[in-house]
Amino acid sequence: MKKTGPSRSVLDGEVLKDYKSYKFTTQAIPKGEGCLVKWTAEYEKASEDGPDPRDYLELTVNVIKDIESHLLNA
């Protein structure tokens, strides 16, 4: 059985100028007294020579770090 968490698909906006589809999934895996969170991104480029989603992945990492910092200081 494959464990999955919430999935979100981008329906509109800047992202879809470079990608036909962009979907990300989160999965929380219990670990000790907390959880390990796994993010998976699935995308299809609008054209073969389109950019890799590196900028979006870096943004995601920065947002996650901000959330983590907030939660640890709460």
PDB file of N, CA and C in Angstrom:
ATOM      1  N   MET A   1       0.844  -1.179   0.000  1.00  0.00           N
ATOM      2  CA  MET A   1       0.000   0.000   0.000  1.00  0.00           C
ATOM      3  C   MET A   1       0.889   1.242   0.000  1.00  0.00           C
ATOM      4  N   LYS A   2       0.628   2.136  -0.917  1.00  0.00           N
ATOM      5  CA  LYS A   2       1.400   3.372  -1.010  1.00  0.00           C
ATOM      6  C   LYS A   2       0.760   4.424  -0.115  1.00  0.00           C
ATOM      7  N   LYS A   3       1.563   4.990   0.781  1.00  0.00           N
ATOM      8  CA  LYS A   3       1.065   6.043   1.653  1.00  0.00           C
ATOM      9  C   LYS A   3       1.244   7.379   0.951  1.00  0.00           C
ATOM     10  N   THR A   4       0.163   8.141   0.911  1.00  0.00           N
ATOM     11  CA  THR A   4       0.247   9.469   0.318  1.00  0.00           C
ATOM     12  C   THR A   4      -0.406  10.476   1.242  1.00  0.00           C
ATOM     13  N   GLY A   5      -0.105  11.719   1.004  1.00  0.00           N
ATOM     14  CA  GLY A   5      -0.701  12.800   1.766  1.00  0.00           C
ATOM     15  C   GLY A   5      -1.432  13.710   0.809  1.00  0.00           C
ATOM     16  N   PRO A   6      -1.723  14.912   1.274  1.00  0.00           N
ATOM     17  CA  PRO A   6      -2.429  15.861   0.415  1.00  0.00           C
ATOM     18  C   PRO A   6      -1.641  16.177  -0.856  1.00  0.00           C
ATOM     19  N   SER A   7      -2.343  16.304  -1.955  1.00  0.00           N
ATOM     20  CA  SER A   7      -1.748  16.697  -3.232  1.00  0.00           C
ATOM     21  C   SER A   7      -2.365  18.004  -3.680  1.00  0.00           C
ATOM     22  N   ARG A   8      -1.560  18.822  -4.314  1.00  0.00           N
ATOM     23  CA  ARG A   8      -2.033  20.089  -4.847  1.00  0.00           C
ATOM     24  C   ARG A   8      -1.536  20.232  -6.275  1.00  0.00           C
ATOM     25  N   SER A   9      -2.401  20.676  -7.152  1.00  0.00           N
ATOM     26  CA  SER A   9      -2.021  20.937  -8.537  1.00  0.00           C
ATOM     27  C   SER A   9      -2.141  22.430  -8.801  1.00  0.00           C
ATOM     28  N   VAL A  10      -1.188  22.952  -9.544  1.00  0.00           N
ATOM     29  CA  VAL A  10      -1.247  24.351  -9.947  1.00  0.00           C
ATOM     30  C   VAL A  10      -2.229  24.454 -11.108  1.00  0.00           C
ATOM     31  N   LEU A  11      -3.205  25.338 -10.984  1.00  0.00           N
ATOM     32  CA  LEU A  11      -4.246  25.459 -12.000  1.00  0.00           C
ATOM     33  C   LEU A  11      -4.088  26.708 -12.858  1.00  0.00           C
ATOM     34  N   ASP A  12      -3.362  27.705 -12.345  1.00  0.00           N
ATOM     35  CA  ASP A  12      -3.281  28.977 -13.049  1.00  0.00           C
ATOM     36  C   ASP A  12      -2.051  29.734 -12.569  1.00  0.00           C
ATOM     37  N   GLY A  13      -1.630  30.712 -13.330  1.00  0.00           N
ATOM     38  CA  GLY A  13      -0.567  31.599 -12.886  1.00  0.00           C
ATOM     39  C   GLY A  13       0.741  31.419 -13.629  1.00  0.00           C
ATOM     40  N   GLU A  14       1.782  32.048 -13.081  1.00  0.00           N
ATOM     41  CA  GLU A  14       3.105  32.092 -13.697  1.00  0.00           C
ATOM     42  C   GLU A  14       3.703  30.705 -13.949  1.00  0.00           C
ATOM     43  N   VAL A  15       3.481  29.789 -13.034  1.00  0.00           N
ATOM     44  CA  VAL A  15       4.072  28.448 -13.152  1.00  0.00           C
ATOM     45  C   VAL A  15       3.678  27.787 -14.464  1.00  0.00           C
ATOM     46  N   LEU A  16       2.435  27.967 -14.879  1.00  0.00           N
ATOM     47  CA  LEU A  16       1.948  27.282 -16.069  1.00  0.00           C
ATOM     48  C   LEU A  16       2.410  27.932 -17.373  1.00  0.00           C
ATOM     49  N   LYS A  17       3.202  28.985 -17.280  1.00  0.00           N
ATOM     50  CA  LYS A  17       3.822  29.529 -18.491  1.00  0.00           C
ATOM     51  C   LYS A  17       4.963  28.618 -18.943  1.00  0.00           C
ATOM     52  N   ASP A  18       5.611  27.949 -17.983  1.00  0.00           N
ATOM     53  CA  ASP A  18       6.742  27.069 -18.283  1.00  0.00           C
ATOM     54  C   ASP A  18       6.404  25.581 -18.205  1.00  0.00           C
ATOM     55  N   TYR A  19       5.259  25.241 -17.567  1.00  0.00           N
ATOM     56  CA  TYR A  19       4.914  23.832 -17.346  1.00  0.00           C
ATOM     57  C   TYR A  19       3.467  23.559 -17.736  1.00  0.00           C
ATOM     58  N   LYS A  20       3.252  22.419 -18.395  1.00  0.00           N
ATOM     59  CA  LYS A  20       1.888  21.991 -18.724  1.00  0.00           C
ATOM     60  C   LYS A  20       1.144  21.626 -17.449  1.00  0.00           C
ATOM     61  N   SER A  21       1.863  20.981 -16.526  1.00  0.00           N
ATOM     62  CA  SER A  21       1.279  20.609 -15.239  1.00  0.00           C
ATOM     63  C   SER A  21       2.356  20.691 -14.168  1.00  0.00           C
ATOM     64  N   TYR A  22       1.924  20.992 -12.954  1.00  0.00           N
ATOM     65  CA  TYR A  22       2.829  21.078 -11.808  1.00  0.00           C
ATOM     66  C   TYR A  22       2.025  20.672 -10.590  1.00  0.00           C
ATOM     67  N   LYS A  23       2.425  19.575  -9.962  1.00  0.00           N
ATOM     68  CA  LYS A  23       1.693  19.021  -8.830  1.00  0.00           C
ATOM     69  C   LYS A  23       2.688  18.693  -7.728  1.00  0.00           C
ATOM     70  N   PHE A  24       2.308  18.979  -6.486  1.00  0.00           N
ATOM     71  CA  PHE A  24       3.167  18.573  -5.381  1.00  0.00           C
ATOM     72  C   PHE A  24       2.354  17.853  -4.322  1.00  0.00           C
ATOM     73  N   THR A  25       2.996  16.900  -3.685  1.00  0.00           N
ATOM     74  CA  THR A  25       2.374  16.055  -2.681  1.00  0.00           C
ATOM     75  C   THR A  25       3.198  16.112  -1.409  1.00  0.00           C
ATOM     76  N   THR A  26       2.535  16.133  -0.269  1.00  0.00           N
ATOM     77  CA  THR A  26       3.234  16.064   1.011  1.00  0.00           C
ATOM     78  C   THR A  26       2.844  14.775   1.715  1.00  0.00           C
ATOM     79  N   GLN A  27       3.794  14.238   2.467  1.00  0.00           N
ATOM     80  CA  GLN A  27       3.551  13.020   3.228  1.00  0.00           C
ATOM     81  C   GLN A  27       4.223  13.180   4.578  1.00  0.00           C
ATOM     82  N   ALA A  28       3.473  13.013   5.658  1.00  0.00           N
ATOM     83  CA  ALA A  28       4.017  13.075   7.014  1.00  0.00           C
ATOM     84  C   ALA A  28       4.266  11.651   7.499  1.00  0.00           C
ATOM     85  N   ILE A  29       5.509  11.383   7.906  1.00  0.00           N
ATOM     86  CA  ILE A  29       5.902  10.053   8.362  1.00  0.00           C
ATOM     87  C   ILE A  29       6.302  10.165   9.833  1.00  0.00           C
ATOM     88  N   PRO A  30       5.559   9.518  10.747  1.00  0.00           N
ATOM     89  CA  PRO A  30       5.898   9.606  12.166  1.00  0.00           C
ATOM     90  C   PRO A  30       7.340   9.169  12.424  1.00  0.00           C
ATOM     91  N   LYS A  31       8.027   9.954  13.252  1.00  0.00           N
ATOM     92  CA  LYS A  31       9.413   9.640  13.594  1.00  0.00           C
ATOM     93  C   LYS A  31       9.678  10.160  14.997  1.00  0.00           C
ATOM     94  N   GLY A  32       9.866   9.250  15.928  1.00  0.00           N
ATOM     95  CA  GLY A  32      10.102   9.662  17.310  1.00  0.00           C
ATOM     96  C   GLY A  32       8.925  10.464  17.840  1.00  0.00           C
ATOM     97  N   GLU A  33       9.225  11.633  18.409  1.00  0.00           N
ATOM     98  CA  GLU A  33       8.170  12.490  18.941  1.00  0.00           C
ATOM     99  C   GLU A  33       7.619  13.453  17.892  1.00  0.00           C
ATOM    100  N   GLY A  34       8.109  13.388  16.671  1.00  0.00           N
ATOM    101  CA  GLY A  34       7.663  14.295  15.618  1.00  0.00           C
ATOM    102  C   GLY A  34       7.357  13.551  14.348  1.00  0.00           C
ATOM    103  N   CYS A  35       7.569  14.221  13.256  1.00  0.00           N
ATOM    104  CA  CYS A  35       7.324  13.638  11.947  1.00  0.00           C
ATOM    105  C   CYS A  35       8.400  14.082  10.962  1.00  0.00           C
ATOM    106  N   LEU A  36       8.634  13.246   9.999  1.00  0.00           N
ATOM    107  CA  LEU A  36       9.465  13.581   8.860  1.00  0.00           C
ATOM    108  C   LEU A  36       8.484  13.890   7.730  1.00  0.00           C
ATOM    109  N   VAL A  37       8.653  15.023   7.076  1.00  0.00           N
ATOM    110  CA  VAL A  37       7.739  15.401   6.005  1.00  0.00           C
ATOM    111  C   VAL A  37       8.465  15.269   4.677  1.00  0.00           C
ATOM    112  N   LYS A  38       7.840  14.551   3.759  1.00  0.00           N
ATOM    113  CA  LYS A  38       8.407  14.328   2.438  1.00  0.00           C
ATOM    114  C   LYS A  38       7.559  15.088   1.419  1.00  0.00           C
ATOM    115  N   TRP A  39       8.223  15.932   0.604  1.00  0.00           N
ATOM    116  CA  TRP A  39       7.557  16.680  -0.461  1.00  0.00           C
ATOM    117  C   TRP A  39       7.973  16.070  -1.791  1.00  0.00           C
ATOM    118  N   THR A  40       7.004  15.843  -2.662  1.00  0.00           N
ATOM    119  CA  THR A  40       7.287  15.320  -3.989  1.00  0.00           C
ATOM    120  C   THR A  40       6.669  16.269  -5.017  1.00  0.00           C
ATOM    121  N   ALA A  41       7.470  16.642  -6.007  1.00  0.00           N
ATOM    122  CA  ALA A  41       6.969  17.508  -7.080  1.00  0.00           C
ATOM    123  C   ALA A  41       6.943  16.722  -8.385  1.00  0.00           C
ATOM    124  N   GLU A  42       5.833  16.811  -9.096  1.00  0.00           N
ATOM    125  CA  GLU A  42       5.698  16.198 -10.413  1.00  0.00           C
ATOM    126  C   GLU A  42       5.355  17.317 -11.391  1.00  0.00           C
ATOM    127  N   TYR A  43       6.057  17.354 -12.510  1.00  0.00           N
ATOM    128  CA  TYR A  43       5.810  18.417 -13.473  1.00  0.00           C
ATOM    129  C   TYR A  43       6.035  17.924 -14.889  1.00  0.00           C
ATOM    130  N   GLU A  44       5.408  18.621 -15.819  1.00  0.00           N
ATOM    131  CA  GLU A  44       5.632  18.365 -17.239  1.00  0.00           C
ATOM    132  C   GLU A  44       5.944  19.706 -17.878  1.00  0.00           C
ATOM    133  N   LYS A  45       7.099  19.798 -18.505  1.00  0.00           N
ATOM    134  CA  LYS A  45       7.508  21.052 -19.140  1.00  0.00           C
ATOM    135  C   LYS A  45       6.583  21.379 -20.308  1.00  0.00           C
ATOM    136  N   ALA A  46       6.345  22.673 -20.507  1.00  0.00           N
ATOM    137  CA  ALA A  46       5.528  23.115 -21.632  1.00  0.00           C
ATOM    138  C   ALA A  46       6.258  22.891 -22.954  1.00  0.00           C
ATOM    139  N   SER A  47       7.589  22.962 -22.911  1.00  0.00           N
ATOM    140  CA  SER A  47       8.393  22.661 -24.092  1.00  0.00           C
ATOM    141  C   SER A  47       9.628  21.898 -23.644  1.00  0.00           C
ATOM    142  N   GLU A  48      10.198  21.133 -24.553  1.00  0.00           N
ATOM    143  CA  GLU A  48      11.336  20.275 -24.228  1.00  0.00           C
ATOM    144  C   GLU A  48      12.530  21.050 -23.660  1.00  0.00           C
ATOM    145  N   ASP A  49      12.736  22.261 -24.151  1.00  0.00           N
ATOM    146  CA  ASP A  49      13.879  23.045 -23.689  1.00  0.00           C
ATOM    147  C   ASP A  49      13.496  24.038 -22.594  1.00  0.00           C
ATOM    148  N   GLY A  50      12.345  23.839 -21.966  1.00  0.00           N
ATOM    149  CA  GLY A  50      11.911  24.694 -20.865  1.00  0.00           C
ATOM    150  C   GLY A  50      12.783  24.497 -19.626  1.00  0.00           C
ATOM    151  N   PRO A  51      12.679  25.420 -18.679  1.00  0.00           N
ATOM    152  CA  PRO A  51      13.527  25.366 -17.487  1.00  0.00           C
ATOM    153  C   PRO A  51      13.127  24.254 -16.520  1.00  0.00           C
ATOM    154  N   ASP A  52      14.112  23.757 -15.775  1.00  0.00           N
ATOM    155  CA  ASP A  52      13.814  22.867 -14.667  1.00  0.00           C
ATOM    156  C   ASP A  52      13.202  23.727 -13.557  1.00  0.00           C
ATOM    157  N   PRO A  53      12.404  23.140 -12.678  1.00  0.00           N
ATOM    158  CA  PRO A  53      11.704  23.938 -11.669  1.00  0.00           C
ATOM    159  C   PRO A  53      12.578  24.306 -10.463  1.00  0.00           C
ATOM    160  N   ARG A  54      13.859  24.496 -10.687  1.00  0.00           N
ATOM    161  CA  ARG A  54      14.802  24.779  -9.596  1.00  0.00           C
ATOM    162  C   ARG A  54      14.368  25.971  -8.733  1.00  0.00           C
ATOM    163  N   ASP A  55      13.921  27.064  -9.365  1.00  0.00           N
ATOM    164  CA  ASP A  55      13.508  28.247  -8.598  1.00  0.00           C
ATOM    165  C   ASP A  55      12.316  27.943  -7.699  1.00  0.00           C
ATOM    166  N   TYR A  56      11.359  27.169  -8.201  1.00  0.00           N
ATOM    167  CA  TYR A  56      10.190  26.817  -7.391  1.00  0.00           C
ATOM    168  C   TYR A  56      10.575  25.886  -6.247  1.00  0.00           C
ATOM    169  N   LEU A  57      11.517  24.996  -6.500  1.00  0.00           N
ATOM    170  CA  LEU A  57      11.969  24.092  -5.446  1.00  0.00           C
ATOM    171  C   LEU A  57      12.718  24.863  -4.358  1.00  0.00           C
ATOM    172  N   GLU A  58      13.544  25.832  -4.751  1.00  0.00           N
ATOM    173  CA  GLU A  58      14.254  26.658  -3.768  1.00  0.00           C
ATOM    174  C   GLU A  58      13.269  27.476  -2.939  1.00  0.00           C
ATOM    175  N   LEU A  59      12.234  28.013  -3.579  1.00  0.00           N
ATOM    176  CA  LEU A  59      11.202  28.756  -2.856  1.00  0.00           C
ATOM    177  C   LEU A  59      10.520  27.842  -1.838  1.00  0.00           C
ATOM    178  N   THR A  60      10.183  26.632  -2.244  1.00  0.00           N
ATOM    179  CA  THR A  60       9.538  25.674  -1.352  1.00  0.00           C
ATOM    180  C   THR A  60      10.416  25.377  -0.145  1.00  0.00           C
ATOM    181  N   VAL A  61      11.707  25.151  -0.376  1.00  0.00           N
ATOM    182  CA  VAL A  61      12.645  24.871   0.723  1.00  0.00           C
ATOM    183  C   VAL A  61      12.685  26.050   1.688  1.00  0.00           C
ATOM    184  N   ASN A  62      12.741  27.270   1.171  1.00  0.00           N
ATOM    185  CA  ASN A  62      12.785  28.451   2.035  1.00  0.00           C
ATOM    186  C   ASN A  62      11.507  28.610   2.857  1.00  0.00           C
ATOM    187  N   VAL A  63      10.357  28.343   2.250  1.00  0.00           N
ATOM    188  CA  VAL A  63       9.091  28.424   2.980  1.00  0.00           C
ATOM    189  C   VAL A  63       9.056  27.373   4.088  1.00  0.00           C
ATOM    190  N   ILE A  64       9.507  26.158   3.777  1.00  0.00           N
ATOM    191  CA  ILE A  64       9.520  25.083   4.776  1.00  0.00           C
ATOM    192  C   ILE A  64      10.443  25.450   5.943  1.00  0.00           C
ATOM    193  N   LYS A  65      11.601  26.021   5.639  1.00  0.00           N
ATOM    194  CA  LYS A  65      12.526  26.438   6.701  1.00  0.00           C
ATOM    195  C   LYS A  65      11.899  27.513   7.580  1.00  0.00           C
ATOM    196  N   ASP A  66      11.170  28.457   6.982  1.00  0.00           N
ATOM    197  CA  ASP A  66      10.498  29.497   7.761  1.00  0.00           C
ATOM    198  C   ASP A  66       9.430  28.892   8.671  1.00  0.00           C
ATOM    199  N   ILE A  67       8.651  27.949   8.146  1.00  0.00           N
ATOM    200  CA  ILE A  67       7.617  27.290   8.945  1.00  0.00           C
ATOM    201  C   ILE A  67       8.271  26.526  10.095  1.00  0.00           C
ATOM    202  N   GLU A  68       9.312  25.776   9.797  1.00  0.00           N
ATOM    203  CA  GLU A  68      10.020  25.005  10.824  1.00  0.00           C
ATOM    204  C   GLU A  68      10.537  25.929  11.931  1.00  0.00           C
ATOM    205  N   SER A  69      11.146  27.034  11.550  1.00  0.00           N
ATOM    206  CA  SER A  69      11.671  27.992  12.517  1.00  0.00           C
ATOM    207  C   SER A  69      10.559  28.529  13.395  1.00  0.00           C
ATOM    208  N   HIS A  70       9.444  28.862  12.791  1.00  0.00           N
ATOM    209  CA  HIS A  70       8.290  29.372  13.558  1.00  0.00           C
ATOM    210  C   HIS A  70       7.786  28.326  14.542  1.00  0.00           C
ATOM    211  N   LEU A  71       7.655  27.092  14.079  1.00  0.00           N
ATOM    212  CA  LEU A  71       7.141  26.025  14.952  1.00  0.00           C
ATOM    213  C   LEU A  71       8.102  25.708  16.103  1.00  0.00           C
ATOM    214  N   LEU A  72       9.397  25.730  15.828  1.00  0.00           N
ATOM    215  CA  LEU A  72      10.378  25.422  16.872  1.00  0.00           C
ATOM    216  C   LEU A  72      10.469  26.532  17.912  1.00  0.00           C
ATOM    217  N   ASN A  73      10.113  27.751  17.530  1.00  0.00           N
ATOM    218  CA  ASN A  73      10.161  28.883  18.461  1.00  0.00           C
ATOM    219  C   ASN A  73       8.818  29.179  19.111  1.00  0.00           C
ATOM    220  N   ALA A  74       7.808  28.372  18.783  1.00  0.00           N
ATOM    221  CA  ALA A  74       6.454  28.610  19.335  1.00  0.00           C
ATOM    222  C   ALA A  74       6.361  28.190  20.782  1.00  0.00           C
TER     223      ALA A  74
END
